[in-house]
Amino acid sequence: MIDAHVHLWQRQQGRVNGLPVYDLGGGRSQFGSEVRQMLPAYMTDGVNSAERLLANMDFAQVAAAVVTQEYIDGAQDGYLRQVRAQYPERFRVCTLYEEKELPDLIGMDGIKICGGRLADLDLTHHAPVFEHAAKAGCFLAIDLADGDTQTASLNEMICQYPELRIAIGHFGMVTTRGWQEQIRLARHDNVRIESGGITWLYNSEFYPYPSAVRAILEARDICGMEKLMWGSDYPRTMTAITYRMSWDFIEKSPLLTPEEKQCFFHDNAHAFYRFGALPEMPLIHSMAE
């Protein structure tokens, strides 16, 4: 399997609503004006490393992952270049676009745009970063503002750069009104949808997330199963569930065929992110079995 949406950092040093985000120990972070459990409590030092993720991936039989970024963590470009160089067969990594200048793509596979957090929400005003990614042959990962706020401007960019691979995150902010408009963008040949954060968005329902499964089916009917990719949003979602739980509720659902699951968990992401040969992931039985 391939996880299309994870986060890594050595030290969290981000901002939210103009206030700092930083580690407090015990997996907790100062998150602007409040304290949040940012990591599982056993990650006591605040380090969200590639090695810890790989241990989770190995146990959950996930062969590869795509590392995205977020303002609340602070730019992690330097660390992600190290991760990409050290584990080239297992990771693809994004640089973070921060509206100041075009990001450095050396050692990077893609560019992350936190669309809903931009000072200027009109994506046509950010055309240079789309052009930058297209010329470099990189992909662009984007989390959009809720609903259809940015879909028209993103559609214009999609049409302007038809060869640019674009992945829309958080499954179109599926629990917000108008989320289907984001999914419809994947009818374009170069656009995909990844499900990172879907367990967060349906957290009030909790495992096994029947509404999330129904949303996947609805998205399939809108744009086709070949346009959808699984993502976990590790590590923040791991404060509520285990890494394996982030995918096995879909695997256990009888509403998707084996062929659809193969597309969702592996085939679509393998082609889109241009992974090569991946390691075999043997089943390791837990002590609870």
Foldseek 3Di string as FASTA:
>chain_A
DEAEEEAFAQWFWAADPRATWGDDFQCWIDHGPDIDNQFHRVVGVRGRHPVVVVVLCLQLVHFAYEHEDDRRRPWHVVRVLVVCVVCVQHYAYEGEDDPPDADDCVSHQEHEYAQQPDPDNQCLVVLVNLVVCLVVVHAYEYEHDAACPHLVSVLVSCVVRVSHAYEYECQQLQVGPRSVSVLLSLLRVRYAYENACVCVSVVVVHPPPPVSLVSLVVSCVRRHLLRYEYHHHPPRCVNPPRPNSSPVSNVPDPPDDPVSVCSHYPDSCCVNSVRDDTDGRDHDDDPVD
